[in-house]
C-alpha atoms as a PDB file:
ATOM      1  CA  UNK A   1     -20.867  -3.301 -25.816  1.00  0.00           C
ATOM      2  CA  UNK A   2     -21.042  -7.063 -25.392  1.00  0.00           C
ATOM      3  CA  UNK A   3     -17.257  -7.318 -25.438  1.00  0.00           C
ATOM      4  CA  UNK A   4     -17.066  -4.906 -22.495  1.00  0.00           C
ATOM      5  CA  UNK A   5     -19.626  -6.873 -20.528  1.00  0.00           C
ATOM      6  CA  UNK A   6     -17.835 -10.131 -21.286  1.00  0.00           C
ATOM      7  CA  UNK A   7     -14.538  -8.600 -20.236  1.00  0.00           C
ATOM      8  CA  UNK A   8     -16.107  -7.368 -16.992  1.00  0.00           C
ATOM      9  CA  UNK A   9     -17.664 -10.709 -16.057  1.00  0.00           C
ATOM     10  CA  UNK A  10     -14.689 -12.808 -17.168  1.00  0.00           C
ATOM     11  CA  UNK A  11     -12.257 -10.693 -15.152  1.00  0.00           C
ATOM     12  CA  UNK A  12     -14.295 -11.012 -11.959  1.00  0.00           C
ATOM     13  CA  UNK A  13     -14.784 -14.739 -12.470  1.00  0.00           C
ATOM     14  CA  UNK A  14     -11.088 -15.221 -13.235  1.00  0.00           C
ATOM     15  CA  UNK A  15      -9.885 -13.257 -10.200  1.00  0.00           C
ATOM     16  CA  UNK A  16     -12.366 -15.030  -7.932  1.00  0.00           C
ATOM     17  CA  UNK A  17     -11.293 -18.416  -9.283  1.00  0.00           C
ATOM     18  CA  UNK A  18      -7.598 -17.613  -8.850  1.00  0.00           C
ATOM     19  CA  UNK A  19      -8.186 -16.494  -5.258  1.00  0.00           C
ATOM     20  CA  UNK A  20     -10.118 -19.675  -4.478  1.00  0.00           C
ATOM     21  CA  UNK A  21      -7.408 -21.821  -6.056  1.00  0.00           C
ATOM     22  CA  UNK A  22      -4.840 -19.931  -3.968  1.00  0.00           C
ATOM     23  CA  UNK A  23      -6.734 -20.785  -0.786  1.00  0.00           C
ATOM     24  CA  UNK A  24      -6.699 -24.449  -1.857  1.00  0.00           C
ATOM     25  CA  UNK A  25      -2.949 -24.352  -2.654  1.00  0.00           C
ATOM     26  CA  UNK A  26      -3.778 -24.988  -6.303  1.00  0.00           C
ATOM     27  CA  UNK A  27      -1.468 -22.286  -7.703  1.00  0.00           C
ATOM     28  CA  UNK A  28       2.354 -22.110  -7.774  1.00  0.00           C
ATOM     29  CA  UNK A  29       3.595 -21.309  -4.257  1.00  0.00           C
ATOM     30  CA  UNK A  30       5.493 -18.241  -5.428  1.00  0.00           C
ATOM     31  CA  UNK A  31       2.262 -16.759  -6.829  1.00  0.00           C
ATOM     32  CA  UNK A  32       0.126 -17.619  -3.813  1.00  0.00           C
ATOM     33  CA  UNK A  33      -0.449 -14.166  -2.357  1.00  0.00           C
ATOM     34  CA  UNK A  34      -3.223 -15.396  -0.066  1.00  0.00           C
ATOM     35  CA  UNK A  35      -1.077 -17.702   2.029  1.00  0.00           C
ATOM     36  CA  UNK A  36       1.984 -15.565   1.368  1.00  0.00           C
ATOM     37  CA  UNK A  37       0.279 -12.616   3.048  1.00  0.00           C
ATOM     38  CA  UNK A  38      -0.731 -14.797   5.998  1.00  0.00           C
ATOM     39  CA  UNK A  39       2.796 -16.199   6.394  1.00  0.00           C
ATOM     40  CA  UNK A  40       4.450 -12.765   6.255  1.00  0.00           C
ATOM     41  CA  UNK A  41       1.876 -11.394   8.711  1.00  0.00           C
ATOM     42  CA  UNK A  42       2.430 -14.212  11.199  1.00  0.00           C
ATOM     43  CA  UNK A  43       6.217 -13.854  11.016  1.00  0.00           C
ATOM     44  CA  UNK A  44       6.156 -10.074  11.571  1.00  0.00           C
ATOM     45  CA  UNK A  45       3.556 -10.446  14.341  1.00  0.00           C
ATOM     46  CA  UNK A  46       5.813 -13.010  16.041  1.00  0.00           C
ATOM     47  CA  UNK A  47       8.679 -10.507  15.902  1.00  0.00           C
ATOM     48  CA  UNK A  48       6.388  -7.901  17.464  1.00  0.00           C
ATOM     49  CA  UNK A  49       5.596 -10.305  20.308  1.00  0.00           C
ATOM     50  CA  UNK A  50       9.228 -11.302  20.881  1.00  0.00           C
ATOM     51  CA  UNK A  51      10.832  -7.880  20.424  1.00  0.00           C
ATOM     52  CA  UNK A  52       8.208  -5.194  21.146  1.00  0.00           C
ATOM     53  CA  UNK A  53       9.366  -1.617  20.709  1.00  0.00           C
ATOM     54  CA  UNK A  54       6.474  -0.061  22.640  1.00  0.00           C
ATOM     55  CA  UNK A  55       6.218  -2.534  25.497  1.00  0.00           C
ATOM     56  CA  UNK A  56       3.036  -1.017  26.884  1.00  0.00           C
ATOM     57  CA  UNK A  57       1.230  -1.944  23.674  1.00  0.00           C
ATOM     58  CA  UNK A  58      -0.751  -5.182  23.828  1.00  0.00           C
ATOM     59  CA  UNK A  59      -0.199  -8.184  21.594  1.00  0.00           C
ATOM     60  CA  UNK A  60      -3.749  -7.622  20.361  1.00  0.00           C
ATOM     61  CA  UNK A  61      -3.377  -3.881  20.039  1.00  0.00           C
ATOM     62  CA  UNK A  62      -6.184  -1.377  19.517  1.00  0.00           C
ATOM     63  CA  UNK A  63      -8.087  -2.165  16.278  1.00  0.00           C
ATOM     64  CA  UNK A  64      -6.029  -5.338  15.705  1.00  0.00           C
ATOM     65  CA  UNK A  65      -8.970  -7.295  14.281  1.00  0.00           C
ATOM     66  CA  UNK A  66     -10.290  -4.376  12.247  1.00  0.00           C
ATOM     67  CA  UNK A  67      -6.897  -3.951  10.595  1.00  0.00           C
ATOM     68  CA  UNK A  68      -6.680  -7.704  10.037  1.00  0.00           C
ATOM     69  CA  UNK A  69      -9.971  -7.613   8.147  1.00  0.00           C
ATOM     70  CA  UNK A  70      -8.754  -4.651   6.099  1.00  0.00           C
ATOM     71  CA  UNK A  71      -5.775  -6.727   4.935  1.00  0.00           C
ATOM     72  CA  UNK A  72      -8.008  -9.318   3.309  1.00  0.00           C
ATOM     73  CA  UNK A  73     -10.615  -6.830   2.131  1.00  0.00           C
ATOM     74  CA  UNK A  74      -8.159  -4.572   0.294  1.00  0.00           C
ATOM     75  CA  UNK A  75      -5.850  -7.295  -0.939  1.00  0.00           C
ATOM     76  CA  UNK A  76      -8.474  -9.789  -2.119  1.00  0.00           C
ATOM     77  CA  UNK A  77     -12.182  -8.945  -1.762  1.00  0.00           C
ATOM     78  CA  UNK A  78     -11.965  -5.476  -3.288  1.00  0.00           C
ATOM     79  CA  UNK A  79      -9.489  -6.712  -5.887  1.00  0.00           C
ATOM     80  CA  UNK A  80     -12.104  -9.216  -7.042  1.00  0.00           C
ATOM     81  CA  UNK A  81     -14.845  -6.589  -7.110  1.00  0.00           C
ATOM     82  CA  UNK A  82     -12.839  -4.022  -9.079  1.00  0.00           C
ATOM     83  CA  UNK A  83     -11.081  -6.380 -11.511  1.00  0.00           C
ATOM     84  CA  UNK A  84     -13.944  -6.173 -13.986  1.00  0.00           C
ATOM     85  CA  UNK A  85     -13.700  -2.376 -14.177  1.00  0.00           C
ATOM     86  CA  UNK A  86      -9.968  -2.489 -14.862  1.00  0.00           C
ATOM     87  CA  UNK A  87     -10.453  -5.092 -17.569  1.00  0.00           C
ATOM     88  CA  UNK A  88     -13.127  -2.979 -19.259  1.00  0.00           C
ATOM     89  CA  UNK A  89     -10.718  -0.027 -19.243  1.00  0.00           C
ATOM     90  CA  UNK A  90      -8.066  -2.220 -20.860  1.00  0.00           C
ATOM     91  CA  UNK A  91     -10.513  -3.112 -23.645  1.00  0.00           C
ATOM     92  CA  UNK A  92     -11.430   0.559 -24.050  1.00  0.00           C
ATOM     93  CA  UNK A  93      -7.790   1.634 -24.317  1.00  0.00           C
ATOM     94  CA  UNK A  94      -7.160  -1.102 -26.875  1.00  0.00           C
ATOM     95  CA  UNK A  95     -10.131   0.093 -28.934  1.00  0.00           C
ATOM     96  CA  UNK A  96      -8.730   3.631 -28.792  1.00  0.00           C
ATOM     97  CA  UNK A  97      -5.338   2.429 -29.959  1.00  0.00           C
ATOM     98  CA  UNK A  98      -3.638   3.091 -26.631  1.00  0.00           C
ATOM     99  CA  UNK A  99      -1.181   0.277 -25.978  1.00  0.00           C
ATOM    100  CA  UNK A 100       1.209  -0.613 -23.171  1.00  0.00           C
ATOM    101  CA  UNK A 101       4.051   0.765 -25.316  1.00  0.00           C
ATOM    102  CA  UNK A 102       2.447   4.181 -25.827  1.00  0.00           C
ATOM    103  CA  UNK A 103       4.517   5.855 -23.116  1.00  0.00           C
ATOM    104  CA  UNK A 104       7.523   3.564 -23.217  1.00  0.00           C
ATOM    105  CA  UNK A 105      10.785   5.191 -22.162  1.00  0.00           C
ATOM    106  CA  UNK A 106      12.866   2.039 -21.813  1.00  0.00           C
ATOM    107  CA  UNK A 107      12.355  -1.620 -22.591  1.00  0.00           C
ATOM    108  CA  UNK A 108      13.629  -4.049 -19.980  1.00  0.00           C
ATOM    109  CA  UNK A 109      12.860  -7.288 -21.778  1.00  0.00           C
ATOM    110  CA  UNK A 110      16.468  -7.909 -22.855  1.00  0.00           C
ATOM    111  CA  UNK A 111      18.056  -6.901 -19.552  1.00  0.00           C
ATOM    112  CA  UNK A 112      19.387  -9.421 -17.010  1.00  0.00           C
ATOM    113  CA  UNK A 113      16.606 -10.532 -14.649  1.00  0.00           C
ATOM    114  CA  UNK A 114      18.148  -8.945 -11.558  1.00  0.00           C
ATOM    115  CA  UNK A 115      18.278  -5.538 -13.271  1.00  0.00           C
ATOM    116  CA  UNK A 116      14.707  -5.916 -14.545  1.00  0.00           C
ATOM    117  CA  UNK A 117      13.486  -6.536 -11.011  1.00  0.00           C
ATOM    118  CA  UNK A 118      15.555  -3.680  -9.596  1.00  0.00           C
ATOM    119  CA  UNK A 119      14.283  -1.088 -12.082  1.00  0.00           C
ATOM    120  CA  UNK A 120      10.717  -2.389 -11.751  1.00  0.00           C
ATOM    121  CA  UNK A 121      10.947  -2.078  -7.954  1.00  0.00           C
ATOM    122  CA  UNK A 122      12.469   1.426  -7.981  1.00  0.00           C
ATOM    123  CA  UNK A 123      10.100   2.884 -10.605  1.00  0.00           C
ATOM    124  CA  UNK A 124       6.956   1.522  -8.941  1.00  0.00           C
ATOM    125  CA  UNK A 125       8.150   2.658  -5.526  1.00  0.00           C
ATOM    126  CA  UNK A 126       8.724   6.197  -6.785  1.00  0.00           C
ATOM    127  CA  UNK A 127       5.268   6.260  -8.372  1.00  0.00           C
ATOM    128  CA  UNK A 128       3.733   5.156  -5.072  1.00  0.00           C
ATOM    129  CA  UNK A 129       5.792   7.722  -3.128  1.00  0.00           C
ATOM    130  CA  UNK A 130       4.517  10.468  -5.438  1.00  0.00           C
ATOM    131  CA  UNK A 131       0.923   9.201  -5.178  1.00  0.00           C
ATOM    132  CA  UNK A 132       1.263   9.137  -1.403  1.00  0.00           C
ATOM    133  CA  UNK A 133       2.228  12.814  -1.418  1.00  0.00           C
ATOM    134  CA  UNK A 134      -0.871  13.613  -3.479  1.00  0.00           C
ATOM    135  CA  UNK A 135      -3.039  11.819  -0.905  1.00  0.00           C
ATOM    136  CA  UNK A 136      -1.746  14.205   1.750  1.00  0.00           C
ATOM    137  CA  UNK A 137      -1.582  17.399  -0.290  1.00  0.00           C
ATOM    138  CA  UNK A 138      -5.090  17.569  -1.728  1.00  0.00           C
ATOM    139  CA  UNK A 139      -8.087  17.761   0.617  1.00  0.00           C
ATOM    140  CA  UNK A 140     -10.313  15.522  -1.507  1.00  0.00           C
ATOM    141  CA  UNK A 141      -7.726  12.725  -1.507  1.00  0.00           C
ATOM    142  CA  UNK A 142      -6.746  13.293   2.128  1.00  0.00           C
ATOM    143  CA  UNK A 143     -10.368  12.768   3.149  1.00  0.00           C
ATOM    144  CA  UNK A 144     -10.011   9.117   2.061  1.00  0.00           C
ATOM    145  CA  UNK A 145      -6.443   8.716   3.311  1.00  0.00           C
ATOM    146  CA  UNK A 146      -7.603   9.693   6.803  1.00  0.00           C
ATOM    147  CA  UNK A 147      -8.771   6.105   7.286  1.00  0.00           C
ATOM    148  CA  UNK A 148      -5.168   4.917   7.196  1.00  0.00           C
ATOM    149  CA  UNK A 149      -4.050   7.707   9.511  1.00  0.00           C
ATOM    150  CA  UNK A 150      -6.752   7.000  12.073  1.00  0.00           C
ATOM    151  CA  UNK A 151      -4.574   4.179  13.436  1.00  0.00           C
ATOM    152  CA  UNK A 152      -3.864   4.848  17.121  1.00  0.00           C
ATOM    153  CA  UNK A 153      -1.471   1.948  17.822  1.00  0.00           C
ATOM    154  CA  UNK A 154       0.876   0.767  15.127  1.00  0.00           C
ATOM    155  CA  UNK A 155       1.174  -2.868  14.163  1.00  0.00           C
ATOM    156  CA  UNK A 156       1.866  -4.894  11.015  1.00  0.00           C
ATOM    157  CA  UNK A 157      -1.785  -5.062   9.891  1.00  0.00           C
ATOM    158  CA  UNK A 158      -2.050  -1.254   9.823  1.00  0.00           C
ATOM    159  CA  UNK A 159      -0.076  -1.535   6.584  1.00  0.00           C
ATOM    160  CA  UNK A 160      -3.194  -2.508   4.618  1.00  0.00           C
ATOM    161  CA  UNK A 161      -5.750  -0.509   6.564  1.00  0.00           C
ATOM    162  CA  UNK A 162      -6.793   2.076   4.012  1.00  0.00           C
ATOM    163  CA  UNK A 163      -9.898   3.329   2.226  1.00  0.00           C
ATOM    164  CA  UNK A 164     -10.810   1.335  -0.871  1.00  0.00           C
ATOM    165  CA  UNK A 165     -10.667   4.533  -2.957  1.00  0.00           C
ATOM    166  CA  UNK A 166      -6.889   4.503  -2.551  1.00  0.00           C
ATOM    167  CA  UNK A 167      -6.813   1.467  -4.826  1.00  0.00           C
ATOM    168  CA  UNK A 168      -8.529   3.611  -7.452  1.00  0.00           C
ATOM    169  CA  UNK A 169      -5.809   6.254  -7.179  1.00  0.00           C
ATOM    170  CA  UNK A 170      -2.784   3.975  -6.924  1.00  0.00           C
ATOM    171  CA  UNK A 171      -3.640   1.457  -9.635  1.00  0.00           C
ATOM    172  CA  UNK A 172      -3.699   3.838 -12.647  1.00  0.00           C
ATOM    173  CA  UNK A 173      -0.451   5.506 -11.608  1.00  0.00           C
ATOM    174  CA  UNK A 174       1.249   2.153 -11.050  1.00  0.00           C
ATOM    175  CA  UNK A 175      -0.003   1.117 -14.490  1.00  0.00           C
ATOM    176  CA  UNK A 176       1.531   4.350 -15.828  1.00  0.00           C
ATOM    177  CA  UNK A 177       4.831   3.293 -14.246  1.00  0.00           C
ATOM    178  CA  UNK A 178       4.651  -0.071 -16.015  1.00  0.00           C
ATOM    179  CA  UNK A 179       3.861   1.687 -19.310  1.00  0.00           C
ATOM    180  CA  UNK A 180       7.023   3.773 -18.916  1.00  0.00           C
ATOM    181  CA  UNK A 181       8.866   0.457 -18.833  1.00  0.00           C
ATOM    182  CA  UNK A 182       7.313  -0.472 -22.144  1.00  0.00           C
ATOM    183  CA  UNK A 183       4.380  -2.256 -20.550  1.00  0.00           C
ATOM    184  CA  UNK A 184       6.833  -4.839 -19.306  1.00  0.00           C
ATOM    185  CA  UNK A 185       6.502  -6.627 -15.976  1.00  0.00           C
ATOM    186  CA  UNK A 186       9.370  -9.025 -15.178  1.00  0.00           C
ATOM    187  CA  UNK A 187       8.564 -12.717 -15.094  1.00  0.00           C
ATOM    188  CA  UNK A 188       9.744 -12.858 -11.487  1.00  0.00           C
ATOM    189  CA  UNK A 189       7.809  -9.716 -10.455  1.00  0.00           C
ATOM    190  CA  UNK A 190       6.329 -11.720  -7.589  1.00  0.00           C
ATOM    191  CA  UNK A 191       9.722 -11.263  -5.862  1.00  0.00           C
ATOM    192  CA  UNK A 192       9.209  -7.490  -5.868  1.00  0.00           C
ATOM    193  CA  UNK A 193       5.610  -7.775  -4.663  1.00  0.00           C
ATOM    194  CA  UNK A 194       6.485 -10.041  -1.727  1.00  0.00           C
ATOM    195  CA  UNK A 195       9.416  -7.805  -0.756  1.00  0.00           C
ATOM    196  CA  UNK A 196       7.113  -4.776  -0.816  1.00  0.00           C
ATOM    197  CA  UNK A 197       4.533  -6.525   1.396  1.00  0.00           C
ATOM    198  CA  UNK A 198       7.233  -7.517   3.888  1.00  0.00           C
ATOM    199  CA  UNK A 199       8.767  -4.035   4.054  1.00  0.00           C
ATOM    200  CA  UNK A 200       5.320  -2.475   4.424  1.00  0.00           C
ATOM    201  CA  UNK A 201       4.431  -4.821   7.287  1.00  0.00           C
ATOM    202  CA  UNK A 202       7.729  -4.113   9.032  1.00  0.00           C
ATOM    203  CA  UNK A 203       7.353  -0.352   8.609  1.00  0.00           C
ATOM    204  CA  UNK A 204       4.022  -0.441  10.458  1.00  0.00           C
ATOM    205  CA  UNK A 205       5.128  -2.979  13.056  1.00  0.00           C
ATOM    206  CA  UNK A 206       5.853  -2.567  16.751  1.00  0.00           C
ATOM    207  CA  UNK A 207       9.538  -3.358  16.206  1.00  0.00           C
ATOM    208  CA  UNK A 208      12.419  -0.915  16.355  1.00  0.00           C
ATOM    209  CA  UNK A 209      14.427  -1.265  13.153  1.00  0.00           C
ATOM    210  CA  UNK A 210      16.531   1.464  11.573  1.00  0.00           C
ATOM    211  CA  UNK A 211      18.763  -0.552   9.192  1.00  0.00           C
ATOM    212  CA  UNK A 212      21.868   1.421  10.229  1.00  0.00           C
ATOM    213  CA  UNK A 213      23.458   3.265   7.271  1.00  0.00           C
ATOM    214  CA  UNK A 214      20.846   1.647   5.000  1.00  0.00           C
ATOM    215  CA  UNK A 215      18.186   3.866   6.598  1.00  0.00           C
ATOM    216  CA  UNK A 216      18.942   6.366   3.826  1.00  0.00           C
ATOM    217  CA  UNK A 217      17.819   3.768   1.315  1.00  0.00           C
ATOM    218  CA  UNK A 218      15.099   1.673   2.982  1.00  0.00           C
ATOM    219  CA  UNK A 219      12.078   2.866   4.905  1.00  0.00           C
ATOM    220  CA  UNK A 220      11.813   1.610   8.495  1.00  0.00           C
ATOM    221  CA  UNK A 221       9.424   1.526  11.495  1.00  0.00           C
ATOM    222  CA  UNK A 222      11.092   4.469  13.239  1.00  0.00           C
ATOM    223  CA  UNK A 223      10.834   6.683  10.181  1.00  0.00           C
ATOM    224  CA  UNK A 224       7.311   5.614   9.316  1.00  0.00           C
ATOM    225  CA  UNK A 225       6.025   6.100  12.860  1.00  0.00           C
ATOM    226  CA  UNK A 226       6.583   9.832  12.405  1.00  0.00           C
ATOM    227  CA  UNK A 227       4.638   9.728   9.169  1.00  0.00           C
ATOM    228  CA  UNK A 228       1.660   8.770  11.370  1.00  0.00           C
ATOM    229  CA  UNK A 229       2.428  11.334  14.080  1.00  0.00           C
ATOM    230  CA  UNK A 230      -0.463  13.481  15.299  1.00  0.00           C
ATOM    231  CA  UNK A 231       1.713  16.600  15.430  1.00  0.00           C
ATOM    232  CA  UNK A 232       3.750  17.597  12.388  1.00  0.00           C
ATOM    233  CA  UNK A 233       6.439  20.248  11.929  1.00  0.00           C
ATOM    234  CA  UNK A 234       4.911  23.660  11.311  1.00  0.00           C
ATOM    235  CA  UNK A 235       4.074  24.437   7.706  1.00  0.00           C
ATOM    236  CA  UNK A 236       4.146  20.898   6.257  1.00  0.00           C
ATOM    237  CA  UNK A 237       1.300  18.619   5.184  1.00  0.00           C
ATOM    238  CA  UNK A 238       3.213  15.431   5.906  1.00  0.00           C
ATOM    239  CA  UNK A 239       6.629  13.811   6.304  1.00  0.00           C
ATOM    240  CA  UNK A 240       8.331  10.502   5.503  1.00  0.00           C
ATOM    241  CA  UNK A 241       6.151   9.510   2.564  1.00  0.00           C
ATOM    242  CA  UNK A 242       8.346   6.559   1.552  1.00  0.00           C
ATOM    243  CA  UNK A 243       6.678   3.228   0.821  1.00  0.00           C
ATOM    244  CA  UNK A 244       9.573   0.765   0.602  1.00  0.00           C
ATOM    245  CA  UNK A 245      12.394   3.229  -0.014  1.00  0.00           C
ATOM    246  CA  UNK A 246      13.308   6.181   2.196  1.00  0.00           C
ATOM    247  CA  UNK A 247      15.583   7.423  -0.581  1.00  0.00           C
ATOM    248  CA  UNK A 248      12.941   9.743  -2.058  1.00  0.00           C
ATOM    249  CA  UNK A 249      12.304  11.492   1.263  1.00  0.00           C
ATOM    250  CA  UNK A 250      15.990  12.189   1.786  1.00  0.00           C
ATOM    251  CA  UNK A 251      16.414  13.366  -1.807  1.00  0.00           C
ATOM    252  CA  UNK A 252      13.406  15.696  -1.734  1.00  0.00           C
ATOM    253  CA  UNK A 253      13.826  16.808   1.894  1.00  0.00           C
ATOM    254  CA  UNK A 254      10.583  15.347   3.242  1.00  0.00           C
ATOM    255  CA  UNK A 255      12.411  13.263   5.882  1.00  0.00           C
ATOM    256  CA  UNK A 256      11.790  13.911   9.590  1.00  0.00           C
ATOM    257  CA  UNK A 257      12.935  11.834  12.587  1.00  0.00           C
ATOM    258  CA  UNK A 258      13.339  14.037  15.692  1.00  0.00           C
ATOM    259  CA  UNK A 259      13.941  11.118  18.112  1.00  0.00           C
ATOM    260  CA  UNK A 260      13.514   7.330  18.362  1.00  0.00           C
ATOM    261  CA  UNK A 261      11.668   6.595  21.615  1.00  0.00           C
ATOM    262  CA  UNK A 262       8.563   5.342  19.846  1.00  0.00           C
ATOM    263  CA  UNK A 263       6.352   7.298  22.264  1.00  0.00           C
ATOM    264  CA  UNK A 264       4.521   9.291  19.641  1.00  0.00           C
ATOM    265  CA  UNK A 265       0.859  10.232  19.603  1.00  0.00           C
ATOM    266  CA  UNK A 266      -0.661   8.916  16.380  1.00  0.00           C
ATOM    267  CA  UNK A 267      -3.521  10.150  14.260  1.00  0.00           C
ATOM    268  CA  UNK A 268      -4.425  13.635  13.057  1.00  0.00           C
ATOM    269  CA  UNK A 269      -6.322  16.634  14.441  1.00  0.00           C
ATOM    270  CA  UNK A 270     -10.028  15.862  14.279  1.00  0.00           C
ATOM    271  CA  UNK A 271      -9.615  12.089  13.994  1.00  0.00           C
ATOM    272  CA  UNK A 272     -12.232  11.565  16.705  1.00  0.00           C
ATOM    273  CA  UNK A 273     -14.887  12.346  14.085  1.00  0.00           C
ATOM    274  CA  UNK A 274     -13.869   9.431  11.855  1.00  0.00           C
ATOM    275  CA  UNK A 275     -16.190   6.399  12.187  1.00  0.00           C
ATOM    276  CA  UNK A 276     -14.640   3.647  14.302  1.00  0.00           C
ATOM    277  CA  UNK A 277     -16.249   0.739  12.427  1.00  0.00           C
ATOM    278  CA  UNK A 278     -15.429  -0.702   9.010  1.00  0.00           C
ATOM    279  CA  UNK A 279     -18.729   0.138   7.321  1.00  0.00           C
ATOM    280  CA  UNK A 280     -18.593   3.732   8.509  1.00  0.00           C
ATOM    281  CA  UNK A 281     -15.067   4.063   7.176  1.00  0.00           C
ATOM    282  CA  UNK A 282     -16.013   2.490   3.834  1.00  0.00           C
ATOM    283  CA  UNK A 283     -18.358   5.356   3.035  1.00  0.00           C
ATOM    284  CA  UNK A 284     -16.175   8.017   4.634  1.00  0.00           C
ATOM    285  CA  UNK A 285     -15.341  10.696   2.111  1.00  0.00           C
ATOM    286  CA  UNK A 286     -18.701  10.375   0.380  1.00  0.00           C
ATOM    287  CA  UNK A 287     -21.011  11.177   3.287  1.00  0.00           C
ATOM    288  CA  UNK A 288     -21.707  14.817   4.238  1.00  0.00           C
ATOM    289  CA  UNK A 289     -18.595  16.285   5.834  1.00  0.00           C
ATOM    290  CA  UNK A 290     -18.667  16.395   9.603  1.00  0.00           C
ATOM    291  CA  UNK A 291     -17.047  19.270  11.370  1.00  0.00           C
ATOM    292  CA  UNK A 292     -13.691  18.240  12.831  1.00  0.00           C
ATOM    293  CA  UNK A 293     -12.754  19.638  16.193  1.00  0.00           C
END
């Protein structure tokens, strides 16, 4: 039992220390997700200001500061808080004889670096696309995912506005994806992570980008805006589930882009019952269910 407690405390202390060192620029620049997130956010926000798609939308759009706080809460504060739990699970799996190679399908370690990064990116993106579908399909999971879909004006920071329980759902499945790759994460995996952050910010931004013919491969703001649309095609529980890649939606016929004006009502039926403040949203999904109109 002591080993589990030590693992819990050491993981929290280590993650907290790494985050603090990142703030002080005391980690390699390519691993500094704190300032990397800020830099990417400022660049995408600048593009929103210079080339706004929905010109009636303010520079400081509705819930701008709330979404900004969510970025740091989900990316850093919650990551620190939950790191101990994940480390304890790692110790438990090790004690049970479950290793990173238990589900290995391929081993990338001897592949060229560019191919390692490509496969790592594609596999993790598919896992997240599939998880995203689950968040929409099942009522229990959707009750948490509503926080993300309560956004009424889209902007870059909406990317990381989501209920903390989503981390609980995504993390194990992403770990499963890594296990399929033989528990291997490329040395330059930070390239994939920064690309994913950038694409996610752009997809939620107030910029009109379609990528031309590449729209069938990469997700984009036009496509993702309809993922957040208040009104959906009859008989579906969601559309355009892609995270970084749109490929999965086109392959599995979950794509939907009826037009590109950008004048789309966002949210979901009954979203007026969702708490408007951070603390109310944090406990949403656990409190007694309120009747949605």
